[in-house]
């Protein structure tokens, strides 16, 4: 189990998102191919969520390729306050514990991006830490960067801090209206956000409602209560049934 983690920092929402992407070798291969297809050189160039997107068709295309790849992976989320940036490695360890609790037969390597301050942490049995990864060569970190930006965009919308609309035809062909970008992003990665455990009891026929607990959602002790509440509303359960 290779888990790639990167952060997205948002002062206006008073939160930092750590996105942990569990990617298989096939997804890493697809990400490498997407870089080349979009005019980037793997190992030299990289996707950065902070890169200019407006008027940059290559970056936009790569972001959409990465979104499709992320949707094939599994995503766990850690959230803390902005002033807890020095504790990100501990938050990453908490994410690892949440993932391990659902996947007890798995061992894993947690890959952390450069710049995350070293701390003394305890990982789940069978898990190893690979810190200070260069995202240019560890391409899974680029997927995590992209994913962290998506999660942060959804959370900013849920907090009412930033809301962006996009043409509804991107999801519903022929529809001339608009819909929230946050909803479009959530819809495209919701299966990756879902864990294995359904919420609620089965019905009389033995079937569960298509609502699942998240693959992983953890908060720091100092996380802003408003952010915790908003994140739990949006990510605390994952609907995997029909939404159209």
Protein backbone atom coordinates (compact mmCIF):
# COMPACT_ATOMS: atom_id res chain seq x y z
CA UNK A 1 0.00 0.00 0.00
CA UNK A 2 1.68 3.19 -1.19
CA UNK A 3 0.11 6.28 0.37
CA UNK A 4 1.13 9.70 -0.93
CA UNK A 5 0.43 12.79 1.21
CA UNK A 6 0.55 16.51 0.46
CA UNK A 7 -1.03 19.59 1.99
CA UNK A 8 -3.15 22.57 0.95
CA UNK A 9 -3.04 25.62 3.25
CA UNK A 10 -5.90 28.14 3.44
CA UNK A 11 -5.60 31.06 5.83
CA UNK A 12 -9.04 32.44 4.97
CA UNK A 13 -10.66 29.20 6.09
CA UNK A 14 -8.24 28.62 8.98
CA UNK A 15 -7.41 25.09 7.90
CA UNK A 16 -4.77 22.91 6.34
CA UNK A 17 -5.87 19.83 4.41
CA UNK A 18 -3.64 16.79 4.18
CA UNK A 19 -4.79 14.56 1.35
CA UNK A 20 -3.58 10.96 1.46
CA UNK A 21 -3.93 9.17 -1.86
CA UNK A 22 -3.62 5.39 -1.93
CA UNK A 23 -2.45 4.78 -5.49
CA UNK A 24 -1.59 1.49 -7.14
CA UNK A 25 1.30 1.15 -9.63
CA UNK A 26 -1.18 1.40 -12.52
CA UNK A 27 -2.32 4.83 -11.33
CA UNK A 28 1.28 6.02 -10.98
CA UNK A 29 1.99 4.80 -14.51
CA UNK A 30 -1.12 6.63 -15.77
CA UNK A 31 -0.02 9.83 -14.02
CA UNK A 32 3.42 9.58 -15.61
CA UNK A 33 1.87 9.07 -19.03
CA UNK A 34 -0.50 12.02 -18.44
CA UNK A 35 2.46 14.31 -17.76
CA UNK A 36 4.02 13.36 -21.09
CA UNK A 37 0.72 13.58 -22.96
CA UNK A 38 0.16 17.11 -21.67
CA UNK A 39 3.60 18.38 -22.69
CA UNK A 40 5.48 17.92 -19.41
CA UNK A 41 8.68 15.94 -18.85
CA UNK A 42 8.34 13.42 -15.99
CA UNK A 43 11.17 13.79 -13.51
CA UNK A 44 11.85 17.37 -14.57
CA UNK A 45 8.41 18.98 -14.64
CA UNK A 46 5.54 18.47 -12.22
CA UNK A 47 1.92 19.29 -11.54
CA UNK A 48 1.47 22.00 -8.92
CA UNK A 49 -1.98 23.15 -7.84
CA UNK A 50 -0.48 26.64 -7.48
CA UNK A 51 0.55 26.84 -11.16
CA UNK A 52 -1.29 29.32 -13.37
CA UNK A 53 -4.34 27.64 -14.89
CA UNK A 54 -6.03 30.53 -16.67
CA UNK A 55 -5.01 30.37 -20.33
CA UNK A 56 -2.74 27.39 -19.67
CA UNK A 57 -4.37 24.56 -21.59
CA UNK A 58 -1.56 22.10 -20.82
CA UNK A 59 -1.96 22.59 -17.06
CA UNK A 60 -5.75 22.40 -17.31
CA UNK A 61 -5.58 19.18 -19.29
CA UNK A 62 -3.16 17.65 -16.80
CA UNK A 63 -5.40 18.62 -13.89
CA UNK A 64 -8.35 16.85 -15.55
CA UNK A 65 -6.25 13.76 -16.27
CA UNK A 66 -5.17 13.72 -12.63
CA UNK A 67 -8.77 14.14 -11.46
CA UNK A 68 -9.77 11.01 -13.38
CA UNK A 69 -6.80 9.09 -11.96
CA UNK A 70 -7.54 10.23 -8.39
CA UNK A 71 -11.08 8.96 -8.83
CA UNK A 72 -9.61 5.46 -9.30
CA UNK A 73 -7.61 5.63 -6.05
CA UNK A 74 -8.65 5.84 -2.40
CA UNK A 75 -8.52 9.13 -0.48
CA UNK A 76 -8.16 9.80 3.23
CA UNK A 77 -8.27 13.30 4.69
CA UNK A 78 -6.60 15.00 7.65
CA UNK A 79 -7.46 18.55 8.70
CA UNK A 80 -5.85 20.91 11.19
CA UNK A 81 -5.72 24.63 11.95
CA UNK A 82 -3.27 26.88 10.11
CA UNK A 83 -1.25 27.50 13.28
CA UNK A 84 -0.65 23.74 13.59
CA UNK A 85 1.48 23.53 10.47
CA UNK A 86 4.42 22.28 12.53
CA UNK A 87 2.34 19.19 13.49
CA UNK A 88 1.57 17.92 9.99
CA UNK A 89 3.69 14.79 10.37
CA UNK A 90 1.64 13.80 13.43
CA UNK A 91 -1.54 14.39 11.45
CA UNK A 92 -0.14 12.20 8.66
CA UNK A 93 0.47 9.44 11.22
CA UNK A 94 -3.15 9.75 12.38
CA UNK A 95 -4.29 9.34 8.79
CA UNK A 96 -2.14 6.22 8.52
CA UNK A 97 -3.79 4.77 11.64
CA UNK A 98 -7.27 5.47 10.23
CA UNK A 99 -6.40 3.73 6.97
CA UNK A 100 -4.74 0.79 8.73
CA UNK A 101 -7.81 0.25 10.93
CA UNK A 102 -9.85 -0.52 7.79
CA UNK A 103 -7.13 -2.51 6.01
CA UNK A 104 -5.61 -4.71 8.70
CA UNK A 105 -4.08 -7.16 6.22
CA UNK A 106 -2.14 -4.40 4.45
CA UNK A 107 1.36 -3.09 5.04
CA UNK A 108 2.27 0.26 3.61
CA UNK A 109 4.67 3.08 2.90
CA UNK A 110 3.59 6.63 3.63
CA UNK A 111 5.30 9.12 1.31
CA UNK A 112 5.40 12.73 2.57
CA UNK A 113 6.17 15.78 0.48
CA UNK A 114 9.22 17.93 1.16
CA UNK A 115 8.83 20.68 3.72
CA UNK A 116 6.76 18.78 6.29
CA UNK A 117 8.56 19.31 9.60
CA UNK A 118 10.02 16.10 11.12
CA UNK A 119 8.42 14.88 14.34
CA UNK A 120 8.64 11.84 16.56
CA UNK A 121 5.62 9.77 15.55
CA UNK A 122 4.31 6.24 15.85
CA UNK A 123 2.99 4.55 12.74
CA UNK A 124 0.69 1.52 12.57
CA UNK A 125 2.38 -1.88 12.63
CA UNK A 126 3.65 -2.75 9.17
CA UNK A 127 3.77 0.85 7.94
CA UNK A 128 6.95 2.77 7.08
CA UNK A 129 7.51 6.49 6.58
CA UNK A 130 9.33 7.96 3.61
CA UNK A 131 9.68 11.66 4.39
CA UNK A 132 11.06 14.60 2.39
CA UNK A 133 10.01 13.18 -0.99
CA UNK A 134 10.81 15.14 -4.14
CA UNK A 135 7.47 15.50 -5.92
CA UNK A 136 9.19 15.74 -9.30
CA UNK A 137 10.33 12.14 -9.03
CA UNK A 138 7.69 10.74 -6.64
CA UNK A 139 4.73 11.36 -8.91
CA UNK A 140 2.18 10.11 -6.39
CA UNK A 141 2.91 13.29 -4.41
CA UNK A 142 1.70 15.27 -7.41
CA UNK A 143 -1.58 13.36 -7.30
CA UNK A 144 -1.84 14.18 -3.59
CA UNK A 145 -1.16 17.87 -4.30
CA UNK A 146 -3.98 17.93 -6.85
CA UNK A 147 -6.28 16.01 -4.51
CA UNK A 148 -5.56 18.30 -1.54
CA UNK A 149 -6.54 21.28 -3.68
CA UNK A 150 -9.82 19.60 -4.66
CA UNK A 151 -10.66 18.75 -1.03
CA UNK A 152 -9.82 22.29 0.09
CA UNK A 153 -12.01 23.77 -2.67
CA UNK A 154 -14.94 21.62 -1.51
CA UNK A 155 -14.37 22.59 2.13
CA UNK A 156 -14.10 26.32 1.37
CA UNK A 157 -17.44 26.08 -0.41
CA UNK A 158 -19.03 24.22 2.51
CA UNK A 159 -17.77 26.93 4.90
CA UNK A 160 -19.26 29.63 2.67
CA UNK A 161 -15.82 31.21 2.27
CA UNK A 162 -15.46 30.74 -1.49
CA UNK A 163 -17.98 29.48 -4.01
CA UNK A 164 -17.41 29.06 -7.72
CA UNK A 165 -19.98 28.10 -10.32
CA UNK A 166 -19.29 26.16 -13.51
CA UNK A 167 -21.47 25.32 -16.53
CA UNK A 168 -23.84 22.48 -15.69
CA UNK A 169 -23.26 20.95 -19.12
CA UNK A 170 -19.88 19.71 -17.83
CA UNK A 171 -21.88 17.15 -15.85
CA UNK A 172 -25.30 17.25 -17.51
CA UNK A 173 -24.94 17.56 -21.32
CA UNK A 174 -27.49 19.95 -22.80
CA UNK A 175 -28.19 21.75 -19.52
CA UNK A 176 -27.70 25.52 -19.84
CA UNK A 177 -27.63 26.24 -16.09
CA UNK A 178 -24.80 26.39 -13.59
CA UNK A 179 -23.74 24.22 -10.67
CA UNK A 180 -21.20 24.49 -7.86
CA UNK A 181 -17.64 23.53 -8.71
CA UNK A 182 -17.42 21.96 -5.25
CA UNK A 183 -20.28 19.61 -6.06
CA UNK A 184 -18.74 18.67 -9.42
CA UNK A 185 -15.42 17.89 -7.74
CA UNK A 186 -17.07 15.86 -4.98
CA UNK A 187 -19.13 13.89 -7.49
CA UNK A 188 -16.04 12.99 -9.51
CA UNK A 189 -14.04 11.62 -6.54
CA UNK A 190 -16.78 10.36 -4.19
CA UNK A 191 -16.05 6.67 -4.78
CA UNK A 192 -12.41 7.31 -3.87
CA UNK A 193 -13.55 8.98 -0.63
CA UNK A 194 -15.70 6.01 0.43
CA UNK A 195 -14.45 3.31 2.76
CA UNK A 196 -15.71 -0.25 3.05
CA UNK A 197 -18.12 0.14 5.96
CA UNK A 198 -21.76 1.05 5.23
CA UNK A 199 -23.67 3.43 7.47
CA UNK A 200 -26.91 2.17 8.97
CA UNK A 201 -28.54 -1.21 9.25
CA UNK A 202 -29.55 -3.39 6.29
CA UNK A 203 -33.16 -3.32 5.15
CA UNK A 204 -35.53 -6.28 5.27
CA UNK A 205 -33.94 -7.71 2.12
CA UNK A 206 -30.45 -7.55 3.64
CA UNK A 207 -29.24 -4.59 1.59
CA UNK A 208 -27.64 -1.42 2.95
CA UNK A 209 -28.41 2.08 1.75
CA UNK A 210 -25.54 3.18 -0.56
CA UNK A 211 -24.04 5.40 2.15
CA UNK A 212 -20.55 4.61 3.47
CA UNK A 213 -18.17 5.84 6.12
CA UNK A 214 -15.16 7.69 4.70
CA UNK A 215 -11.95 5.88 3.81
CA UNK A 216 -10.33 8.15 6.38
CA UNK A 217 -11.23 11.47 8.04
CA UNK A 218 -9.20 12.75 10.99
CA UNK A 219 -8.85 16.09 12.76
CA UNK A 220 -6.15 17.62 14.94
CA UNK A 221 -6.99 18.51 18.53
CA UNK A 222 -6.76 22.21 17.67
CA UNK A 223 -8.83 22.14 14.49
CA UNK A 224 -11.32 25.01 14.24
CA UNK A 225 -14.76 23.67 15.37
CA UNK A 226 -16.43 25.38 12.38
CA UNK A 227 -14.10 23.53 10.05
CA UNK A 228 -14.70 20.22 11.82
CA UNK A 229 -18.46 20.65 11.50
CA UNK A 230 -18.28 21.60 7.82
CA UNK A 231 -15.89 18.75 7.00
CA UNK A 232 -18.08 16.21 8.74
CA UNK A 233 -21.12 17.45 6.82
CA UNK A 234 -19.33 17.09 3.52
CA UNK A 235 -16.97 14.14 4.07
CA UNK A 236 -18.30 12.32 7.15
CA UNK A 237 -20.43 10.05 4.99
CA UNK A 238 -20.16 9.23 1.29
CA UNK A 239 -23.14 8.55 -0.96
CA UNK A 240 -22.25 6.03 -3.67
CA UNK A 241 -25.71 5.65 -5.18
CA UNK A 242 -27.16 7.40 -8.21
CA UNK A 243 -26.90 11.21 -8.20
CA UNK A 244 -28.31 11.93 -11.68
